[in-house]
Amino acid sequence: MSKKATAKKFDCVEMKRHIQEKIYEETRGMKPDEFLTYMHQQVVESRFAAFFAGPGSMTSTSPVATPAQLGEASENYSVATDHLP
């Protein structure tokens, strides 16, 4: 059975690499706490914010956690910085 040749309209891998490059450029040189704050802000501003906030908050616009709460969490858990940009 032969495969029909089709023109690629969307390249998922190219899109993924583009997004990763953008995040890398935006976070290069950030300290771990700055990186956590950046990632938190991305979640809060995303269209999935209500989903990450948990059950019963699907109509809520409240953030998942405040930057202060993220700071407290980073004090309680060690952050592996060898994988951060």
Protein backbone atom coordinates (compact mmCIF):
# COMPACT_ATOMS: atom_id res chain seq x y z
CA MET A 1 0.00 0.00 0.00
CA SER A 2 1.53 3.33 -1.01
CA LYS A 3 1.40 6.45 1.11
CA LYS A 4 0.04 9.63 -0.38
CA ALA A 5 2.51 12.53 -0.22
CA THR A 6 1.03 15.53 1.53
CA ALA A 7 2.42 18.98 2.17
CA LYS A 8 3.11 19.69 5.82
CA LYS A 9 0.89 22.48 7.11
CA PHE A 10 1.94 22.32 10.74
CA ASP A 11 5.22 21.17 12.25
CA CYS A 12 4.74 20.31 15.91
CA VAL A 13 8.46 19.80 16.59
CA GLU A 14 9.32 23.17 15.05
CA MET A 15 6.67 24.87 17.17
CA LYS A 16 7.93 23.14 20.34
CA ARG A 17 11.51 24.22 19.64
CA HIS A 18 10.42 27.79 18.95
CA ILE A 19 8.53 27.96 22.26
CA GLN A 20 11.45 26.44 24.16
CA GLU A 21 13.86 28.97 22.63
CA LYS A 22 11.54 31.82 23.64
CA ILE A 23 11.32 30.55 27.23
CA TYR A 24 15.09 30.06 27.36
CA GLU A 25 15.72 33.63 26.17
CA GLU A 26 13.24 35.03 28.69
CA THR A 27 14.64 33.04 31.63
CA ARG A 28 18.36 33.01 30.86
CA GLY A 29 20.32 34.14 33.89
CA MET A 30 17.38 33.97 36.30
CA LYS A 31 17.93 32.76 39.83
CA PRO A 32 15.79 29.78 40.92
CA ASP A 33 13.30 31.98 42.80
CA GLU A 34 12.98 34.30 39.79
CA PHE A 35 12.44 31.29 37.52
CA LEU A 36 9.69 29.95 39.82
CA THR A 37 7.98 33.35 39.81
CA TYR A 38 8.22 33.49 36.01
CA MET A 39 6.71 30.01 35.64
CA HIS A 40 3.96 30.84 38.14
CA GLN A 41 3.08 33.95 36.16
CA GLN A 42 2.89 31.91 32.96
CA VAL A 43 0.44 29.50 34.62
CA VAL A 44 -1.68 32.32 36.07
CA GLU A 45 -1.91 34.03 32.69
CA SER A 46 -2.61 30.84 30.74
CA ARG A 47 -6.01 29.75 29.58
CA PHE A 48 -5.63 26.72 31.88
CA ALA A 49 -5.28 28.75 35.10
CA ALA A 50 -8.68 27.71 36.45
CA PHE A 51 -7.92 24.05 35.76
CA PHE A 52 -4.65 24.23 37.70
CA ALA A 53 -6.40 26.04 40.57
CA GLY A 54 -8.30 22.83 41.32
CA PRO A 55 -11.86 21.55 41.56
CA GLY A 56 -14.59 24.10 42.08
CA SER A 57 -12.54 26.94 40.66
CA MET A 58 -13.18 26.45 36.97
CA THR A 59 -14.86 29.86 36.86
CA SER A 60 -12.37 31.45 39.25
CA THR A 61 -9.66 33.81 38.05
CA SER A 62 -7.65 33.51 41.26
CA PRO A 63 -4.03 32.42 40.92
CA VAL A 64 -2.86 28.93 41.84
CA ALA A 65 -0.41 30.30 44.41
CA THR A 66 0.94 33.72 45.19
CA PRO A 67 4.63 34.53 44.58
CA ALA A 68 5.04 34.68 48.38
CA GLN A 69 3.71 31.13 48.67
CA LEU A 70 6.14 30.04 45.98
CA GLY A 71 8.96 31.60 47.98
CA GLU A 72 7.89 29.66 51.05
CA ALA A 73 7.75 26.46 49.03
CA SER A 74 11.25 26.96 47.66
CA GLU A 75 12.53 27.30 51.23
CA ASN A 76 10.99 23.94 52.13
CA TYR A 77 12.19 22.04 49.06
CA SER A 78 15.59 22.04 47.42
CA VAL A 79 15.58 23.15 43.80
CA ALA A 80 17.88 21.34 41.38
CA THR A 81 19.52 24.21 39.51
CA ASP A 82 21.66 22.08 37.21
CA HIS A 83 18.68 21.66 34.84
CA LEU A 84 17.62 25.31 34.81
CA PRO A 85 18.61 27.52 31.89
